[in-house]
Structures are given as C-alpha cells and as structure tokens.
Amino acid sequence: MVSILVVDDDKDIRFLYNHALVKHYTIYEASTGAEALEIFKSKMPDAVIMDTSLPDANGIEVSKQILEFAGDTILIGSTGYSDKDKEFFELGAKLVIHKPFSIADLLERVKSAIY
C-alpha cells in the first residue's frame, strides 16, 4: 500500500487528511519539521503532503531536505497562501492543495499525483 507522510502543525487539518486518505493509503503524521524528517527517514513514505508554515521550520526547506534524502518522493504542497505554489512547483511538487479543501477534491487530486 502506498504510504503518505502528512506534515501540518494543525491537528484538525492532520485529522482531515488522515480521515480522507486512510482507507486508500498508509498515513504517517508529523506536526513539526524535525518530526517530519525523523519519521520520513525511519518510514520512507512514498509521498509527503507538506504544509508551508511549521512551528520550527519552513515547510519548503523541510521539503528540500526530504528530496535531498530521497529524490523520488512524491511531494504535495499544502498551503493557505496562493503565493507559495511557485516555490513548491520549483521543488518538483506534483500538486499544491489549497486550504480549505473538500474531501472529494483532495482524494481525486492526491490519487492523480500518486498514480
């Protein structure tokens, strides 16, 4: 089963991602950049959904570190700010999810990015 690391400091957003995706994917969760890197290196998920703003780090910078470690990881950006799209796409993100989002749209877009 494809695995996804969801990185967001908002526990309600992580809950939404988990609730929407857990039937189709193995989900890991992190609330900080440091936790994300630790979980990524130990679990090696296939994809990462990364928020831009984390309490201890910039999500773009954490994404760079993840891609340096495993360049074939599918990166999906997550943001409430439309001006962050370019930064994610420059890193090679397959898509950027804008908050708020609908569960149906999330499922469809994540599936298209992964497969």
N, C-alpha and C. Protein backbone atom coordinates (compact mmCIF):
# COMPACT_ATOMS: atom_id res chain seq x y z
N MET A 1 0.84 -1.18 0.00
CA MET A 1 0.00 0.00 0.00
C MET A 1 0.89 1.24 0.00
N VAL A 2 0.51 2.22 -0.78
CA VAL A 2 1.25 3.48 -0.86
C VAL A 2 1.15 4.20 0.48
N SER A 3 2.26 4.78 0.92
CA SER A 3 2.27 5.48 2.20
C SER A 3 2.50 6.98 1.99
N ILE A 4 1.86 7.77 2.87
CA ILE A 4 1.94 9.22 2.79
C ILE A 4 2.26 9.78 4.17
N LEU A 5 3.23 10.68 4.23
CA LEU A 5 3.53 11.43 5.44
C LEU A 5 2.81 12.77 5.34
N VAL A 6 1.92 13.05 6.27
CA VAL A 6 1.18 14.30 6.32
C VAL A 6 1.85 15.19 7.37
N VAL A 7 2.31 16.37 6.93
CA VAL A 7 3.02 17.29 7.83
C VAL A 7 2.23 18.59 7.93
N ASP A 8 1.67 18.84 9.11
CA ASP A 8 0.92 20.07 9.35
C ASP A 8 0.87 20.28 10.86
N ASP A 9 1.06 21.52 11.29
CA ASP A 9 1.04 21.79 12.73
C ASP A 9 -0.37 21.86 13.30
N ASP A 10 -1.37 21.93 12.45
CA ASP A 10 -2.77 21.99 12.88
C ASP A 10 -3.33 20.57 12.99
N LYS A 11 -3.62 20.14 14.21
CA LYS A 11 -4.09 18.76 14.42
C LYS A 11 -5.42 18.50 13.71
N ASP A 12 -6.26 19.51 13.56
CA ASP A 12 -7.53 19.32 12.86
C ASP A 12 -7.31 19.07 11.37
N ILE A 13 -6.35 19.75 10.78
CA ILE A 13 -6.02 19.52 9.37
C ILE A 13 -5.44 18.13 9.19
N ARG A 14 -4.55 17.72 10.10
CA ARG A 14 -3.99 16.36 10.03
C ARG A 14 -5.11 15.33 10.15
N PHE A 15 -6.06 15.58 11.04
CA PHE A 15 -7.20 14.68 11.19
C PHE A 15 -7.98 14.56 9.88
N LEU A 16 -8.23 15.70 9.23
CA LEU A 16 -8.97 15.68 7.96
C LEU A 16 -8.23 14.87 6.90
N TYR A 17 -6.93 15.12 6.77
CA TYR A 17 -6.13 14.35 5.80
C TYR A 17 -6.21 12.85 6.13
N ASN A 18 -5.98 12.53 7.39
CA ASN A 18 -5.99 11.14 7.80
C ASN A 18 -7.35 10.51 7.53
N HIS A 19 -8.39 11.17 7.95
CA HIS A 19 -9.76 10.66 7.76
C HIS A 19 -10.06 10.42 6.28
N ALA A 20 -9.63 11.34 5.43
CA ALA A 20 -9.92 11.24 4.00
C ALA A 20 -9.08 10.17 3.30
N LEU A 21 -7.86 9.97 3.75
CA LEU A 21 -6.91 9.16 2.98
C LEU A 21 -6.64 7.76 3.54
N VAL A 22 -6.94 7.53 4.82
CA VAL A 22 -6.52 6.30 5.48
C VAL A 22 -7.12 5.02 4.86
N LYS A 23 -8.24 5.11 4.19
CA LYS A 23 -8.82 3.92 3.56
C LYS A 23 -8.05 3.50 2.32
N HIS A 24 -7.27 4.42 1.75
CA HIS A 24 -6.57 4.15 0.50
C HIS A 24 -5.05 4.11 0.63
N TYR A 25 -4.53 4.68 1.72
CA TYR A 25 -3.09 4.82 1.90
C TYR A 25 -2.71 4.57 3.35
N THR A 26 -1.46 4.20 3.57
CA THR A 26 -0.92 4.17 4.92
C THR A 26 -0.51 5.60 5.25
N ILE A 27 -0.97 6.12 6.38
CA ILE A 27 -0.73 7.52 6.73
C ILE A 27 0.17 7.61 7.95
N TYR A 28 1.18 8.47 7.85
CA TYR A 28 2.01 8.87 8.98
C TYR A 28 1.78 10.36 9.17
N GLU A 29 1.91 10.84 10.41
CA GLU A 29 1.66 12.25 10.69
C GLU A 29 2.82 12.88 11.45
N ALA A 30 3.07 14.15 11.14
CA ALA A 30 4.07 14.94 11.84
C ALA A 30 3.55 16.36 12.01
N SER A 31 3.90 16.99 13.13
CA SER A 31 3.43 18.36 13.38
C SER A 31 4.54 19.39 13.30
N THR A 32 5.79 18.94 13.19
CA THR A 32 6.93 19.86 13.09
C THR A 32 7.87 19.39 11.98
N GLY A 33 8.77 20.27 11.59
CA GLY A 33 9.76 19.89 10.59
C GLY A 33 10.69 18.81 11.09
N ALA A 34 11.14 18.93 12.33
CA ALA A 34 12.05 17.94 12.91
C ALA A 34 11.39 16.56 12.98
N GLU A 35 10.14 16.55 13.41
CA GLU A 35 9.40 15.29 13.49
C GLU A 35 9.20 14.70 12.09
N ALA A 36 8.92 15.56 11.11
CA ALA A 36 8.73 15.11 9.74
C ALA A 36 9.99 14.41 9.21
N LEU A 37 11.14 15.02 9.44
CA LEU A 37 12.39 14.43 8.96
C LEU A 37 12.68 13.10 9.64
N GLU A 38 12.42 13.04 10.93
CA GLU A 38 12.64 11.80 11.69
C GLU A 38 11.74 10.68 11.18
N ILE A 39 10.46 10.98 11.03
CA ILE A 39 9.51 9.97 10.54
C ILE A 39 9.83 9.59 9.11
N PHE A 40 10.15 10.58 8.28
CA PHE A 40 10.47 10.28 6.89
C PHE A 40 11.63 9.30 6.80
N LYS A 41 12.70 9.58 7.52
CA LYS A 41 13.89 8.72 7.44
C LYS A 41 13.65 7.32 7.99
N SER A 42 12.76 7.19 8.96
CA SER A 42 12.51 5.86 9.53
C SER A 42 11.46 5.07 8.74
N LYS A 43 10.47 5.75 8.16
CA LYS A 43 9.38 5.06 7.46
C LYS A 43 9.50 5.07 5.94
N MET A 44 10.23 6.04 5.40
CA MET A 44 10.43 6.18 3.95
C MET A 44 9.10 6.11 3.17
N PRO A 45 8.18 7.03 3.45
CA PRO A 45 6.90 7.01 2.74
C PRO A 45 7.09 7.33 1.25
N ASP A 46 6.11 6.96 0.47
CA ASP A 46 6.14 7.20 -0.98
C ASP A 46 5.88 8.65 -1.32
N ALA A 47 5.08 9.31 -0.47
CA ALA A 47 4.68 10.69 -0.74
C ALA A 47 4.65 11.50 0.56
N VAL A 48 4.75 12.82 0.40
CA VAL A 48 4.68 13.74 1.54
C VAL A 48 3.72 14.87 1.17
N ILE A 49 2.78 15.13 2.08
CA ILE A 49 1.93 16.31 1.97
C ILE A 49 2.48 17.30 3.00
N MET A 50 3.06 18.40 2.52
CA MET A 50 3.81 19.32 3.38
C MET A 50 3.14 20.69 3.46
N ASP A 51 2.87 21.13 4.68
CA ASP A 51 2.38 22.48 4.92
C ASP A 51 3.54 23.46 4.80
N THR A 52 3.24 24.72 4.46
CA THR A 52 4.31 25.71 4.32
C THR A 52 4.78 26.25 5.65
N SER A 53 3.89 26.37 6.61
CA SER A 53 4.24 27.00 7.89
C SER A 53 4.22 25.99 9.02
N LEU A 54 5.38 25.72 9.57
CA LEU A 54 5.51 24.81 10.70
C LEU A 54 6.11 25.58 11.87
N PRO A 55 5.86 25.15 13.10
CA PRO A 55 6.33 25.93 14.24
C PRO A 55 7.85 26.04 14.36
N ASP A 56 8.56 25.06 13.84
CA ASP A 56 10.02 25.06 13.98
C ASP A 56 10.76 25.22 12.66
N ALA A 57 10.03 25.30 11.55
CA ALA A 57 10.72 25.31 10.26
C ALA A 57 9.79 25.80 9.15
N ASN A 58 10.40 26.13 8.03
CA ASN A 58 9.68 26.47 6.81
C ASN A 58 9.44 25.16 6.06
N GLY A 59 8.19 24.88 5.69
CA GLY A 59 7.87 23.64 5.00
C GLY A 59 8.60 23.46 3.69
N ILE A 60 8.89 24.56 3.01
CA ILE A 60 9.65 24.48 1.75
C ILE A 60 11.06 23.93 2.04
N GLU A 61 11.68 24.44 3.10
CA GLU A 61 13.03 23.99 3.45
C GLU A 61 13.04 22.53 3.88
N VAL A 62 12.04 22.12 4.64
CA VAL A 62 11.94 20.72 5.06
C VAL A 62 11.73 19.83 3.83
N SER A 63 10.92 20.29 2.89
CA SER A 63 10.71 19.54 1.64
C SER A 63 12.02 19.37 0.89
N LYS A 64 12.83 20.41 0.84
CA LYS A 64 14.14 20.31 0.17
C LYS A 64 14.99 19.23 0.82
N GLN A 65 15.00 19.20 2.14
CA GLN A 65 15.80 18.20 2.85
C GLN A 65 15.30 16.79 2.56
N ILE A 66 14.00 16.63 2.53
CA ILE A 66 13.42 15.32 2.23
C ILE A 66 13.82 14.88 0.82
N LEU A 67 13.71 15.79 -0.14
CA LEU A 67 14.04 15.45 -1.52
C LEU A 67 15.53 15.21 -1.72
N GLU A 68 16.37 15.87 -0.93
CA GLU A 68 17.81 15.58 -0.98
C GLU A 68 18.08 14.17 -0.47
N PHE A 69 17.32 13.74 0.51
CA PHE A 69 17.48 12.40 1.09
C PHE A 69 16.92 11.33 0.16
N ALA A 70 15.76 11.60 -0.44
CA ALA A 70 15.10 10.64 -1.33
C ALA A 70 14.40 11.40 -2.45
N GLY A 71 15.12 11.61 -3.53
CA GLY A 71 14.66 12.45 -4.63
C GLY A 71 13.44 11.95 -5.38
N ASP A 72 13.09 10.67 -5.23
CA ASP A 72 11.93 10.14 -5.94
C ASP A 72 10.63 10.24 -5.14
N THR A 73 10.69 10.89 -3.99
CA THR A 73 9.49 11.08 -3.16
C THR A 73 8.50 11.99 -3.87
N ILE A 74 7.25 11.62 -3.84
CA ILE A 74 6.20 12.46 -4.42
C ILE A 74 5.89 13.57 -3.43
N LEU A 75 6.09 14.80 -3.85
CA LEU A 75 5.85 15.96 -2.99
C LEU A 75 4.53 16.62 -3.36
N ILE A 76 3.71 16.84 -2.34
CA ILE A 76 2.45 17.54 -2.49
C ILE A 76 2.47 18.70 -1.49
N GLY A 77 2.38 19.91 -1.99
CA GLY A 77 2.36 21.08 -1.12
C GLY A 77 0.97 21.29 -0.54
N SER A 78 0.93 21.92 0.62
CA SER A 78 -0.33 22.25 1.27
C SER A 78 -0.19 23.64 1.87
N THR A 79 -1.11 24.54 1.50
CA THR A 79 -0.97 25.91 1.96
C THR A 79 -2.30 26.65 1.95
N GLY A 80 -2.36 27.66 2.75
CA GLY A 80 -3.48 28.58 2.73
C GLY A 80 -3.14 29.84 1.95
N TYR A 81 -1.92 29.88 1.40
CA TYR A 81 -1.42 31.07 0.69
C TYR A 81 -1.11 30.72 -0.76
N SER A 82 -1.78 31.34 -1.69
CA SER A 82 -1.59 31.01 -3.10
C SER A 82 -0.21 31.42 -3.63
N ASP A 83 0.47 32.33 -2.93
CA ASP A 83 1.78 32.76 -3.39
C ASP A 83 2.88 31.73 -3.12
N LYS A 84 2.57 30.63 -2.45
CA LYS A 84 3.55 29.59 -2.16
C LYS A 84 3.60 28.50 -3.24
N ASP A 85 2.64 28.50 -4.15
CA ASP A 85 2.59 27.48 -5.19
C ASP A 85 3.90 27.39 -5.96
N LYS A 86 4.41 28.51 -6.40
CA LYS A 86 5.60 28.55 -7.23
C LYS A 86 6.78 27.87 -6.54
N GLU A 87 6.95 28.13 -5.24
CA GLU A 87 8.07 27.53 -4.52
C GLU A 87 7.96 26.00 -4.48
N PHE A 88 6.76 25.50 -4.25
CA PHE A 88 6.57 24.05 -4.26
C PHE A 88 6.81 23.46 -5.65
N PHE A 89 6.27 24.10 -6.67
CA PHE A 89 6.44 23.57 -8.02
C PHE A 89 7.90 23.63 -8.47
N GLU A 90 8.64 24.64 -8.03
CA GLU A 90 10.07 24.71 -8.36
C GLU A 90 10.85 23.54 -7.74
N LEU A 91 10.36 23.02 -6.63
CA LEU A 91 10.98 21.85 -6.00
C LEU A 91 10.61 20.55 -6.71
N GLY A 92 9.57 20.61 -7.53
CA GLY A 92 9.12 19.42 -8.23
C GLY A 92 7.82 18.84 -7.68
N ALA A 93 7.09 19.63 -6.90
CA ALA A 93 5.82 19.14 -6.36
C ALA A 93 4.87 18.74 -7.49
N LYS A 94 4.13 17.68 -7.27
CA LYS A 94 3.15 17.21 -8.25
C LYS A 94 1.90 18.07 -8.22
N LEU A 95 1.57 18.60 -7.04
CA LEU A 95 0.42 19.48 -6.91
C LEU A 95 0.52 20.26 -5.61
N VAL A 96 -0.31 21.28 -5.51
CA VAL A 96 -0.42 22.06 -4.28
C VAL A 96 -1.89 22.08 -3.90
N ILE A 97 -2.17 21.68 -2.67
CA ILE A 97 -3.53 21.68 -2.15
C ILE A 97 -3.74 22.98 -1.39
N HIS A 98 -4.81 23.67 -1.73
CA HIS A 98 -5.12 24.93 -1.03
C HIS A 98 -6.15 24.69 0.05
N LYS A 99 -5.89 25.24 1.21
CA LYS A 99 -6.83 25.17 2.32
C LYS A 99 -7.76 26.37 2.23
N PRO A 100 -9.01 26.20 2.51
CA PRO A 100 -9.70 24.94 2.82
C PRO A 100 -9.91 24.11 1.56
N PHE A 101 -10.15 22.82 1.73
CA PHE A 101 -10.35 21.91 0.61
C PHE A 101 -11.52 20.99 0.90
N SER A 102 -12.08 20.43 -0.15
CA SER A 102 -13.14 19.44 0.03
C SER A 102 -12.49 18.05 0.05
N ILE A 103 -13.09 17.14 0.78
CA ILE A 103 -12.56 15.78 0.88
C ILE A 103 -12.56 15.10 -0.50
N ALA A 104 -13.64 15.28 -1.24
CA ALA A 104 -13.73 14.65 -2.57
C ALA A 104 -12.62 15.16 -3.49
N ASP A 105 -12.39 16.47 -3.48
CA ASP A 105 -11.33 17.06 -4.31
C ASP A 105 -9.97 16.57 -3.85
N LEU A 106 -9.77 16.50 -2.55
CA LEU A 106 -8.50 16.02 -2.00
C LEU A 106 -8.20 14.61 -2.49
N LEU A 107 -9.16 13.71 -2.34
CA LEU A 107 -8.96 12.32 -2.77
C LEU A 107 -8.60 12.22 -4.25
N GLU A 108 -9.34 12.93 -5.07
CA GLU A 108 -9.10 12.88 -6.50
C GLU A 108 -7.73 13.43 -6.87
N ARG A 109 -7.37 14.55 -6.28
CA ARG A 109 -6.10 15.20 -6.63
C ARG A 109 -4.91 14.41 -6.12
N VAL A 110 -5.00 13.85 -4.91
CA VAL A 110 -3.89 13.05 -4.37
C VAL A 110 -3.73 11.79 -5.22
N LYS A 111 -4.82 11.15 -5.57
CA LYS A 111 -4.74 9.95 -6.41
C LYS A 111 -4.06 10.26 -7.75
N SER A 112 -4.41 11.39 -8.36
CA SER A 112 -3.81 11.75 -9.64
C SER A 112 -2.32 12.07 -9.50
N ALA A 113 -1.92 12.61 -8.38
CA ALA A 113 -0.49 12.92 -8.17
C ALA A 113 0.33 11.67 -7.92
N ILE A 114 -0.26 10.69 -7.28
CA ILE A 114 0.48 9.49 -6.91
C ILE A 114 0.51 8.46 -8.03
N TYR A 115 -0.55 8.35 -8.79
CA TYR A 115 -0.62 7.30 -9.83
C TYR A 115 -0.47 7.83 -11.19
